[in-house]
């Protein structure tokens, strides 16, 4: 079993446990203002994590690809237009992919 496979299995189990905890919590916990505020920041954290992963190349070095930066900018513009999280992801990924394809 490779280290990558172990990491994928651990991440999958962690994601499942997090989802299970979310549906198992009572309504009083989910209605708490602190929980609501933290839930509002989760899409930002997910987009940031995707960008950070994209910045590291295969050799473990940090680099900034201008196409990724333009894709993130497109995602930010979609956020400014109050687009949903899925739309922001699709816009950022599509712009980045098209730039990588064309340039």
PDB file of N, CA and C in Angstrom:
ATOM      1  N   UNK A   1       0.846  -1.174   0.000  1.00  0.00           N
ATOM      2  CA  UNK A   1       0.000   0.000   0.000  1.00  0.00           C
ATOM      3  C   UNK A   1       0.894   1.242   0.000  1.00  0.00           C
ATOM      4  N   UNK A   2       0.701   2.102  -0.980  1.00  0.00           N
ATOM      5  CA  UNK A   2       1.547   3.279  -1.095  1.00  0.00           C
ATOM      6  C   UNK A   2       1.101   4.366  -0.124  1.00  0.00           C
ATOM      7  N   UNK A   3       1.996   5.327   0.093  1.00  0.00           N
ATOM      8  CA  UNK A   3       1.685   6.434   0.999  1.00  0.00           C
ATOM      9  C   UNK A   3       0.526   7.268   0.446  1.00  0.00           C
ATOM     10  N   UNK A   4       0.445   7.403  -0.869  1.00  0.00           N
ATOM     11  CA  UNK A   4      -0.648   8.166  -1.471  1.00  0.00           C
ATOM     12  C   UNK A   4      -1.987   7.495  -1.206  1.00  0.00           C
ATOM     13  N   UNK A   5      -2.037   6.181  -1.343  1.00  0.00           N
ATOM     14  CA  UNK A   5      -3.272   5.456  -1.092  1.00  0.00           C
ATOM     15  C   UNK A   5      -3.689   5.588   0.372  1.00  0.00           C
ATOM     16  N   UNK A   6      -2.736   5.512   1.278  1.00  0.00           N
ATOM     17  CA  UNK A   6      -3.030   5.668   2.704  1.00  0.00           C
ATOM     18  C   UNK A   6      -3.585   7.065   2.967  1.00  0.00           C
ATOM     19  N   UNK A   7      -2.986   8.078   2.364  1.00  0.00           N
ATOM     20  CA  UNK A   7      -3.455   9.451   2.544  1.00  0.00           C
ATOM     21  C   UNK A   7      -4.873   9.627   2.006  1.00  0.00           C
ATOM     22  N   UNK A   8      -5.170   9.024   0.861  1.00  0.00           N
ATOM     23  CA  UNK A   8      -6.509   9.122   0.281  1.00  0.00           C
ATOM     24  C   UNK A   8      -7.532   8.436   1.179  1.00  0.00           C
ATOM     25  N   UNK A   9      -7.196   7.277   1.706  1.00  0.00           N
ATOM     26  CA  UNK A   9      -8.113   6.557   2.591  1.00  0.00           C
ATOM     27  C   UNK A   9      -8.354   7.352   3.867  1.00  0.00           C
ATOM     28  N   UNK A  10      -7.301   7.915   4.454  1.00  0.00           N
ATOM     29  CA  UNK A  10      -7.452   8.702   5.682  1.00  0.00           C
ATOM     30  C   UNK A  10      -8.295   9.950   5.416  1.00  0.00           C
ATOM     31  N   UNK A  11      -8.044  10.625   4.307  1.00  0.00           N
ATOM     32  CA  UNK A  11      -8.831  11.812   3.966  1.00  0.00           C
ATOM     33  C   UNK A  11     -10.290  11.449   3.716  1.00  0.00           C
ATOM     34  N   UNK A  12     -10.534  10.319   3.084  1.00  0.00           N
ATOM     35  CA  UNK A  12     -11.904   9.879   2.829  1.00  0.00           C
ATOM     36  C   UNK A  12     -12.635   9.572   4.130  1.00  0.00           C
ATOM     37  N   UNK A  13     -11.971   8.876   5.028  1.00  0.00           N
ATOM     38  CA  UNK A  13     -12.588   8.572   6.323  1.00  0.00           C
ATOM     39  C   UNK A  13     -12.846   9.844   7.127  1.00  0.00           C
ATOM     40  N   UNK A  14     -11.906  10.780   7.071  1.00  0.00           N
ATOM     41  CA  UNK A  14     -12.098  12.042   7.776  1.00  0.00           C
ATOM     42  C   UNK A  14     -13.268  12.835   7.211  1.00  0.00           C
ATOM     43  N   UNK A  15     -13.395  12.853   5.886  1.00  0.00           N
ATOM     44  CA  UNK A  15     -14.512  13.552   5.247  1.00  0.00           C
ATOM     45  C   UNK A  15     -15.844  12.913   5.611  1.00  0.00           C
ATOM     46  N   UNK A  16     -15.872  11.593   5.622  1.00  0.00           N
ATOM     47  CA  UNK A  16     -17.093  10.889   5.993  1.00  0.00           C
ATOM     48  C   UNK A  16     -17.464  11.171   7.447  1.00  0.00           C
ATOM     49  N   UNK A  17     -16.470  11.150   8.332  1.00  0.00           N
ATOM     50  CA  UNK A  17     -16.736  11.420   9.750  1.00  0.00           C
ATOM     51  C   UNK A  17     -17.250  12.847   9.949  1.00  0.00           C
ATOM     52  N   UNK A  18     -16.703  13.784   9.195  1.00  0.00           N
ATOM     53  CA  UNK A  18     -17.153  15.172   9.291  1.00  0.00           C
ATOM     54  C   UNK A  18     -18.596  15.310   8.809  1.00  0.00           C
ATOM     55  N   UNK A  19     -18.923  14.661   7.698  1.00  0.00           N
ATOM     56  CA  UNK A  19     -20.302  14.695   7.205  1.00  0.00           C
ATOM     57  C   UNK A  19     -21.255  14.038   8.203  1.00  0.00           C
ATOM     58  N   UNK A  20     -20.850  12.913   8.759  1.00  0.00           N
ATOM     59  CA  UNK A  20     -21.678  12.213   9.736  1.00  0.00           C
ATOM     60  C   UNK A  20     -21.905  13.075  10.969  1.00  0.00           C
ATOM     61  N   UNK A  21     -20.870  13.769  11.415  1.00  0.00           N
ATOM     62  CA  UNK A  21     -21.017  14.662  12.569  1.00  0.00           C
ATOM     63  C   UNK A  21     -21.983  15.793  12.240  1.00  0.00           C
ATOM     64  N   UNK A  22     -21.929  16.307  11.004  1.00  0.00           N
ATOM     65  CA  UNK A  22     -22.806  17.400  10.609  1.00  0.00           C
ATOM     66  C   UNK A  22     -24.274  17.021  10.625  1.00  0.00           C
ATOM     67  N   UNK A  23     -24.611  15.831  10.164  1.00  0.00           N
ATOM     68  CA  UNK A  23     -26.015  15.412  10.157  1.00  0.00           C
ATOM     69  C   UNK A  23     -26.461  14.874  11.513  1.00  0.00           C
ATOM     70  N   UNK A  24     -25.515  14.577  12.388  1.00  0.00           N
ATOM     71  CA  UNK A  24     -25.848  14.033  13.704  1.00  0.00           C
ATOM     72  C   UNK A  24     -26.021  15.113  14.762  1.00  0.00           C
ATOM     73  N   UNK A  25     -25.581  16.317  14.475  1.00  0.00           N
ATOM     74  CA  UNK A  25     -25.675  17.396  15.469  1.00  0.00           C
ATOM     75  C   UNK A  25     -27.120  17.837  15.639  1.00  0.00           C
ATOM     76  N   UNK A  26     -27.500  18.178  16.871  1.00  0.00           N
ATOM     77  CA  UNK A  26     -28.865  18.666  17.085  1.00  0.00           C
ATOM     78  C   UNK A  26     -29.054  20.064  16.478  1.00  0.00           C
ATOM     79  N   UNK A  27     -30.294  20.422  16.216  1.00  0.00           N
ATOM     80  CA  UNK A  27     -30.630  21.703  15.594  1.00  0.00           C
ATOM     81  C   UNK A  27     -30.151  22.883  16.431  1.00  0.00           C
ATOM     82  N   UNK A  28     -30.127  22.736  17.748  1.00  0.00           N
ATOM     83  CA  UNK A  28     -29.697  23.845  18.609  1.00  0.00           C
ATOM     84  C   UNK A  28     -28.230  24.196  18.375  1.00  0.00           C
ATOM     85  N   UNK A  29     -27.405  23.203  18.076  1.00  0.00           N
ATOM     86  CA  UNK A  29     -25.991  23.455  17.792  1.00  0.00           C
ATOM     87  C   UNK A  29     -25.845  24.131  16.426  1.00  0.00           C
ATOM     88  N   UNK A  30     -26.581  23.646  15.434  1.00  0.00           N
ATOM     89  CA  UNK A  30     -26.483  24.198  14.091  1.00  0.00           C
ATOM     90  C   UNK A  30     -27.024  25.626  14.006  1.00  0.00           C
ATOM     91  N   UNK A  31     -27.951  25.979  14.878  1.00  0.00           N
ATOM     92  CA  UNK A  31     -28.541  27.324  14.865  1.00  0.00           C
ATOM     93  C   UNK A  31     -27.702  28.330  15.643  1.00  0.00           C
ATOM     94  N   UNK A  32     -26.654  27.881  16.302  1.00  0.00           N
ATOM     95  CA  UNK A  32     -25.798  28.777  17.072  1.00  0.00           C
ATOM     96  C   UNK A  32     -25.140  29.799  16.146  1.00  0.00           C
ATOM     97  N   UNK A  33     -25.115  31.083  16.539  1.00  0.00           N
ATOM     98  CA  UNK A  33     -24.520  32.113  15.671  1.00  0.00           C
ATOM     99  C   UNK A  33     -23.043  31.876  15.355  1.00  0.00           C
ATOM    100  N   UNK A  34     -22.303  31.330  16.298  1.00  0.00           N
ATOM    101  CA  UNK A  34     -20.884  31.053  16.049  1.00  0.00           C
ATOM    102  C   UNK A  34     -20.728  29.990  14.966  1.00  0.00           C
ATOM    103  N   UNK A  35     -21.531  28.952  15.040  1.00  0.00           N
ATOM    104  CA  UNK A  35     -21.482  27.892  14.030  1.00  0.00           C
ATOM    105  C   UNK A  35     -21.878  28.454  12.667  1.00  0.00           C
ATOM    106  N   UNK A  36     -22.889  29.304  12.634  1.00  0.00           N
ATOM    107  CA  UNK A  36     -23.316  29.915  11.376  1.00  0.00           C
ATOM    108  C   UNK A  36     -22.209  30.789  10.773  1.00  0.00           C
ATOM    109  N   UNK A  37     -21.522  31.548  11.636  1.00  0.00           N
ATOM    110  CA  UNK A  37     -20.446  32.422  11.154  1.00  0.00           C
ATOM    111  C   UNK A  37     -19.287  31.598  10.605  1.00  0.00           C
ATOM    112  N   UNK A  38     -18.922  30.532  11.308  1.00  0.00           N
ATOM    113  CA  UNK A  38     -17.836  29.667  10.840  1.00  0.00           C
ATOM    114  C   UNK A  38     -18.222  28.989   9.529  1.00  0.00           C
ATOM    115  N   UNK A  39     -19.471  28.554   9.410  1.00  0.00           N
ATOM    116  CA  UNK A  39     -19.929  27.909   8.171  1.00  0.00           C
ATOM    117  C   UNK A  39     -19.855  28.870   6.987  1.00  0.00           C
ATOM    118  N   UNK A  40     -20.011  30.155   7.246  1.00  0.00           N
ATOM    119  CA  UNK A  40     -19.901  31.139   6.174  1.00  0.00           C
ATOM    120  C   UNK A  40     -18.494  31.269   5.629  1.00  0.00           C
ATOM    121  N   UNK A  41     -17.495  30.936   6.456  1.00  0.00           N
ATOM    122  CA  UNK A  41     -16.102  31.032   6.014  1.00  0.00           C
ATOM    123  C   UNK A  41     -15.598  29.758   5.336  1.00  0.00           C
ATOM    124  N   UNK A  42     -16.338  28.686   5.395  1.00  0.00           N
ATOM    125  CA  UNK A  42     -15.873  27.417   4.821  1.00  0.00           C
ATOM    126  C   UNK A  42     -15.636  27.478   3.313  1.00  0.00           C
ATOM    127  N   UNK A  43     -16.508  28.115   2.524  1.00  0.00           N
ATOM    128  CA  UNK A  43     -16.214  28.196   1.085  1.00  0.00           C
ATOM    129  C   UNK A  43     -14.910  28.933   0.797  1.00  0.00           C
ATOM    130  N   UNK A  44     -14.626  29.977   1.553  1.00  0.00           N
ATOM    131  CA  UNK A  44     -13.374  30.709   1.373  1.00  0.00           C
ATOM    132  C   UNK A  44     -12.191  29.808   1.696  1.00  0.00           C
ATOM    133  N   UNK A  45     -12.313  29.036   2.758  1.00  0.00           N
ATOM    134  CA  UNK A  45     -11.231  28.125   3.145  1.00  0.00           C
ATOM    135  C   UNK A  45     -11.011  27.053   2.082  1.00  0.00           C
ATOM    136  N   UNK A  46     -12.100  26.543   1.498  1.00  0.00           N
ATOM    137  CA  UNK A  46     -11.954  25.510   0.469  1.00  0.00           C
ATOM    138  C   UNK A  46     -11.288  26.073  -0.780  1.00  0.00           C
ATOM    139  N   UNK A  47     -11.674  27.259  -1.195  1.00  0.00           N
ATOM    140  CA  UNK A  47     -11.055  27.868  -2.368  1.00  0.00           C
ATOM    141  C   UNK A  47      -9.579  28.154  -2.109  1.00  0.00           C
ATOM    142  N   UNK A  48      -9.270  28.624  -0.911  1.00  0.00           N
ATOM    143  CA  UNK A  48      -7.873  28.876  -0.552  1.00  0.00           C
ATOM    144  C   UNK A  48      -7.062  27.589  -0.579  1.00  0.00           C
ATOM    145  N   UNK A  49      -7.627  26.506  -0.056  1.00  0.00           N
ATOM    146  CA  UNK A  49      -6.918  25.225  -0.064  1.00  0.00           C
ATOM    147  C   UNK A  49      -6.647  24.753  -1.485  1.00  0.00           C
ATOM    148  N   UNK A  50      -7.611  24.939  -2.380  1.00  0.00           N
ATOM    149  CA  UNK A  50      -7.400  24.542  -3.775  1.00  0.00           C
ATOM    150  C   UNK A  50      -6.288  25.353  -4.421  1.00  0.00           C
ATOM    151  N   UNK A  51      -6.239  26.631  -4.119  1.00  0.00           N
ATOM    152  CA  UNK A  51      -5.194  27.486  -4.688  1.00  0.00           C
ATOM    153  C   UNK A  51      -3.826  27.081  -4.147  1.00  0.00           C
ATOM    154  N   UNK A  52      -3.741  26.838  -2.849  1.00  0.00           N
ATOM    155  CA  UNK A  52      -2.460  26.467  -2.238  1.00  0.00           C
ATOM    156  C   UNK A  52      -1.952  25.148  -2.817  1.00  0.00           C
ATOM    157  N   UNK A  53      -2.836  24.189  -3.006  1.00  0.00           N
ATOM    158  CA  UNK A  53      -2.439  22.910  -3.595  1.00  0.00           C
ATOM    159  C   UNK A  53      -1.936  23.118  -5.012  1.00  0.00           C
ATOM    160  N   UNK A  54      -2.573  24.020  -5.734  1.00  0.00           N
ATOM    161  CA  UNK A  54      -2.194  24.289  -7.119  1.00  0.00           C
ATOM    162  C   UNK A  54      -0.846  25.001  -7.209  1.00  0.00           C
ATOM    163  N   UNK A  55      -0.458  25.724  -6.158  1.00  0.00           N
ATOM    164  CA  UNK A  55       0.795  26.481  -6.183  1.00  0.00           C
ATOM    165  C   UNK A  55       2.031  25.597  -6.042  1.00  0.00           C
ATOM    166  N   UNK A  56       1.893  24.437  -5.434  1.00  0.00           N
ATOM    167  CA  UNK A  56       3.033  23.545  -5.247  1.00  0.00           C
ATOM    168  C   UNK A  56       3.159  22.632  -6.461  1.00  0.00           C
ATOM    169  N   UNK A  57       4.318  22.643  -7.084  1.00  0.00           N
ATOM    170  CA  UNK A  57       4.480  21.755  -8.226  1.00  0.00           C
ATOM    171  C   UNK A  57       4.949  20.379  -7.759  1.00  0.00           C
ATOM    172  N   UNK A  58       5.175  19.477  -8.675  1.00  0.00           N
ATOM    173  CA  UNK A  58       5.505  18.100  -8.337  1.00  0.00           C
ATOM    174  C   UNK A  58       6.768  17.926  -7.523  1.00  0.00           C
ATOM    175  N   UNK A  59       7.709  18.862  -7.632  1.00  0.00           N
ATOM    176  CA  UNK A  59       8.958  18.738  -6.916  1.00  0.00           C
ATOM    177  C   UNK A  59       8.915  19.284  -5.500  1.00  0.00           C
ATOM    178  N   UNK A  60       7.753  19.741  -5.058  1.00  0.00           N
ATOM    179  CA  UNK A  60       7.638  20.278  -3.724  1.00  0.00           C
ATOM    180  C   UNK A  60       8.075  21.729  -3.618  1.00  0.00           C
ATOM    181  N   UNK A  61       8.377  22.339  -4.762  1.00  0.00           N
ATOM    182  CA  UNK A  61       8.761  23.754  -4.768  1.00  0.00           C
ATOM    183  C   UNK A  61       7.514  24.599  -4.941  1.00  0.00           C
ATOM    184  N   UNK A  62       7.574  25.825  -4.435  1.00  0.00           N
ATOM    185  CA  UNK A  62       6.459  26.759  -4.585  1.00  0.00           C
ATOM    186  C   UNK A  62       6.664  27.572  -5.850  1.00  0.00           C
ATOM    187  N   UNK A  63       5.629  27.702  -6.610  1.00  0.00           N
ATOM    188  CA  UNK A  63       5.687  28.532  -7.800  1.00  0.00           C
ATOM    189  C   UNK A  63       4.309  29.142  -8.014  1.00  0.00           C
ATOM    190  N   UNK A  64       4.267  30.253  -8.699  1.00  0.00           N
ATOM    191  CA  UNK A  64       2.985  30.883  -8.994  1.00  0.00           C
ATOM    192  C   UNK A  64       2.805  30.915 -10.504  1.00  0.00           C
ATOM    193  N   UNK A  65       1.857  30.157 -10.970  1.00  0.00           N
ATOM    194  CA  UNK A  65       1.518  30.132 -12.384  1.00  0.00           C
ATOM    195  C   UNK A  65       0.544  31.276 -12.646  1.00  0.00           C
ATOM    196  N   UNK A  66       0.838  32.135 -13.592  1.00  0.00           N
ATOM    197  CA  UNK A  66      -0.010  33.297 -13.844  1.00  0.00           C
ATOM    198  C   UNK A  66      -1.413  32.890 -14.252  1.00  0.00           C
ATOM    199  N   UNK A  67      -1.544  31.702 -14.858  1.00  0.00           N
ATOM    200  CA  UNK A  67      -2.863  31.235 -15.269  1.00  0.00           C
ATOM    201  C   UNK A  67      -3.732  30.908 -14.058  1.00  0.00           C
ATOM    202  N   UNK A  68      -3.105  30.369 -13.004  1.00  0.00           N
ATOM    203  CA  UNK A  68      -3.835  30.107 -11.760  1.00  0.00           C
ATOM    204  C   UNK A  68      -4.259  31.423 -11.120  1.00  0.00           C
ATOM    205  N   UNK A  69      -3.366  32.404 -11.135  1.00  0.00           N
ATOM    206  CA  UNK A  69      -3.695  33.703 -10.554  1.00  0.00           C
ATOM    207  C   UNK A  69      -4.869  34.346 -11.284  1.00  0.00           C
ATOM    208  N   UNK A  70      -4.912  34.223 -12.614  1.00  0.00           N
ATOM    209  CA  UNK A  70      -6.029  34.775 -13.382  1.00  0.00           C
ATOM    210  C   UNK A  70      -7.314  34.009 -13.071  1.00  0.00           C
ATOM    211  N   UNK A  71      -7.217  32.703 -12.911  1.00  0.00           N
ATOM    212  CA  UNK A  71      -8.391  31.907 -12.537  1.00  0.00           C
ATOM    213  C   UNK A  71      -8.930  32.301 -11.174  1.00  0.00           C
ATOM    214  N   UNK A  72      -8.032  32.532 -10.226  1.00  0.00           N
ATOM    215  CA  UNK A  72      -8.457  32.980  -8.894  1.00  0.00           C
ATOM    216  C   UNK A  72      -9.107  34.354  -8.993  1.00  0.00           C
ATOM    217  N   UNK A  73      -8.536  35.233  -9.792  1.00  0.00           N
ATOM    218  CA  UNK A  73      -9.131  36.562  -9.982  1.00  0.00           C
ATOM    219  C   UNK A  73     -10.536  36.448 -10.562  1.00  0.00           C
ATOM    220  N   UNK A  74     -10.728  35.532 -11.502  1.00  0.00           N
ATOM    221  CA  UNK A  74     -12.062  35.322 -12.074  1.00  0.00           C
ATOM    222  C   UNK A  74     -13.025  34.809 -10.999  1.00  0.00           C
ATOM    223  N   UNK A  75     -12.536  33.936 -10.123  1.00  0.00           N
ATOM    224  CA  UNK A  75     -13.365  33.464  -9.012  1.00  0.00           C
ATOM    225  C   UNK A  75     -13.733  34.587  -8.050  1.00  0.00           C
ATOM    226  N   UNK A  76     -12.791  35.480  -7.806  1.00  0.00           N
ATOM    227  CA  UNK A  76     -13.060  36.621  -6.927  1.00  0.00           C
ATOM    228  C   UNK A  76     -14.107  37.542  -7.556  1.00  0.00           C
ATOM    229  N   UNK A  77     -14.001  37.746  -8.857  1.00  0.00           N
ATOM    230  CA  UNK A  77     -15.001  38.564  -9.547  1.00  0.00           C
ATOM    231  C   UNK A  77     -16.383  37.912  -9.446  1.00  0.00           C
ATOM    232  N   UNK A  78     -16.432  36.586  -9.578  1.00  0.00           N
ATOM    233  CA  UNK A  78     -17.715  35.890  -9.426  1.00  0.00           C
ATOM    234  C   UNK A  78     -18.251  36.058  -8.004  1.00  0.00           C
ATOM    235  N   UNK A  79     -17.352  36.046  -7.015  1.00  0.00           N
ATOM    236  CA  UNK A  79     -17.786  36.290  -5.633  1.00  0.00           C
ATOM    237  C   UNK A  79     -18.347  37.693  -5.467  1.00  0.00           C
ATOM    238  N   UNK A  80     -17.721  38.657  -6.115  1.00  0.00           N
ATOM    239  CA  UNK A  80     -18.206  40.037  -6.025  1.00  0.00           C
ATOM    240  C   UNK A  80     -19.605  40.182  -6.619  1.00  0.00           C
ATOM    241  N   UNK A  81     -19.933  39.342  -7.588  1.00  0.00           N
ATOM    242  CA  UNK A  81     -21.274  39.338  -8.168  1.00  0.00           C
ATOM    243  C   UNK A  81     -22.231  38.438  -7.388  1.00  0.00           C
ATOM    244  N   UNK A  82     -21.807  38.029  -6.194  1.00  0.00           N
ATOM    245  CA  UNK A  82     -22.633  37.211  -5.285  1.00  0.00           C
ATOM    246  C   UNK A  82     -23.016  35.861  -5.885  1.00  0.00           C
ATOM    247  N   UNK A  83     -22.121  35.270  -6.652  1.00  0.00           N
ATOM    248  CA  UNK A  83     -22.374  33.945  -7.224  1.00  0.00           C
ATOM    249  C   UNK A  83     -22.243  32.892  -6.125  1.00  0.00           C
ATOM    250  N   UNK A  84     -22.868  31.766  -6.330  1.00  0.00           N
ATOM    251  CA  UNK A  84     -22.772  30.668  -5.373  1.00  0.00           C
ATOM    252  C   UNK A  84     -21.393  30.029  -5.401  1.00  0.00           C
ATOM    253  N   UNK A  85     -21.123  29.232  -4.393  1.00  0.00           N
ATOM    254  CA  UNK A  85     -19.805  28.605  -4.254  1.00  0.00           C
ATOM    255  C   UNK A  85     -19.495  27.728  -5.464  1.00  0.00           C
ATOM    256  N   UNK A  86     -20.449  26.951  -5.899  1.00  0.00           N
ATOM    257  CA  UNK A  86     -20.216  26.069  -7.041  1.00  0.00           C
ATOM    258  C   UNK A  86     -19.909  26.875  -8.295  1.00  0.00           C
ATOM    259  N   UNK A  87     -20.616  27.971  -8.488  1.00  0.00           N
ATOM    260  CA  UNK A  87     -20.374  28.820  -9.654  1.00  0.00           C
ATOM    261  C   UNK A  87     -18.970  29.422  -9.581  1.00  0.00           C
ATOM    262  N   UNK A  88     -18.565  29.854  -8.395  1.00  0.00           N
ATOM    263  CA  UNK A  88     -17.219  30.427  -8.225  1.00  0.00           C
ATOM    264  C   UNK A  88     -16.158  29.393  -8.580  1.00  0.00           C
ATOM    265  N   UNK A  89     -16.324  28.169  -8.096  1.00  0.00           N
ATOM    266  CA  UNK A  89     -15.368  27.108  -8.418  1.00  0.00           C
ATOM    267  C   UNK A  89     -15.328  26.841  -9.921  1.00  0.00           C
ATOM    268  N   UNK A  90     -16.490  26.738 -10.528  1.00  0.00           N
ATOM    269  CA  UNK A  90     -16.546  26.439 -11.966  1.00  0.00           C
ATOM    270  C   UNK A  90     -15.904  27.563 -12.770  1.00  0.00           C
ATOM    271  N   UNK A  91     -16.175  28.802 -12.397  1.00  0.00           N
ATOM    272  CA  UNK A  91     -15.574  29.936 -13.110  1.00  0.00           C
ATOM    273  C   UNK A  91     -14.054  29.899 -12.984  1.00  0.00           C
ATOM    274  N   UNK A  92     -13.552  29.749 -11.762  1.00  0.00           N
ATOM    275  CA  UNK A  92     -12.102  29.744 -11.545  1.00  0.00           C
ATOM    276  C   UNK A  92     -11.430  28.589 -12.276  1.00  0.00           C
ATOM    277  N   UNK A  93     -12.007  27.415 -12.187  1.00  0.00           N
ATOM    278  CA  UNK A  93     -11.413  26.243 -12.831  1.00  0.00           C
ATOM    279  C   UNK A  93     -11.486  26.357 -14.347  1.00  0.00           C
ATOM    280  N   UNK A  94     -12.600  26.832 -14.862  1.00  0.00           N
ATOM    281  CA  UNK A  94     -12.766  26.956 -16.311  1.00  0.00           C
ATOM    282  C   UNK A  94     -11.791  27.965 -16.906  1.00  0.00           C
ATOM    283  N   UNK A  95     -11.671  29.119 -16.248  1.00  0.00           N
ATOM    284  CA  UNK A  95     -10.749  30.134 -16.744  1.00  0.00           C
ATOM    285  C   UNK A  95      -9.315  29.598 -16.732  1.00  0.00           C
ATOM    286  N   UNK A  96      -8.927  28.970 -15.624  1.00  0.00           N
ATOM    287  CA  UNK A  96      -7.573  28.411 -15.538  1.00  0.00           C
ATOM    288  C   UNK A  96      -7.339  27.340 -16.592  1.00  0.00           C
ATOM    289  N   UNK A  97      -8.309  26.453 -16.754  1.00  0.00           N
ATOM    290  CA  UNK A  97      -8.162  25.363 -17.741  1.00  0.00           C
ATOM    291  C   UNK A  97      -8.084  25.902 -19.164  1.00  0.00           C
ATOM    292  N   UNK A  98      -8.909  26.891 -19.484  1.00  0.00           N
ATOM    293  CA  UNK A  98      -8.878  27.459 -20.828  1.00  0.00           C
ATOM    294  C   UNK A  98      -7.548  28.157 -21.093  1.00  0.00           C
ATOM    295  N   UNK A  99      -7.031  28.882 -20.103  1.00  0.00           N
ATOM    296  CA  UNK A  99      -5.741  29.529 -20.289  1.00  0.00           C
ATOM    297  C   UNK A  99      -4.627  28.512 -20.468  1.00  0.00           C
ATOM    298  N   UNK A 100      -4.686  27.411 -19.719  1.00  0.00           N
ATOM    299  CA  UNK A 100      -3.663  26.360 -19.875  1.00  0.00           C
ATOM    300  C   UNK A 100      -3.777  25.695 -21.241  1.00  0.00           C
ATOM    301  N   UNK A 101      -4.983  25.571 -21.739  1.00  0.00           N
ATOM    302  CA  UNK A 101      -5.182  24.951 -23.045  1.00  0.00           C
ATOM    303  C   UNK A 101      -4.704  25.861 -24.173  1.00  0.00           C
ATOM    304  N   UNK A 102      -4.984  27.151 -24.056  1.00  0.00           N
ATOM    305  CA  UNK A 102      -4.678  28.081 -25.126  1.00  0.00           C
ATOM    306  C   UNK A 102      -3.231  28.581 -25.108  1.00  0.00           C
ATOM    307  N   UNK A 103      -2.655  28.697 -23.925  1.00  0.00           N
ATOM    308  CA  UNK A 103      -1.306  29.284 -23.830  1.00  0.00           C
ATOM    309  C   UNK A 103      -0.303  28.218 -23.461  1.00  0.00           C
TER     310      UNK A 103
END
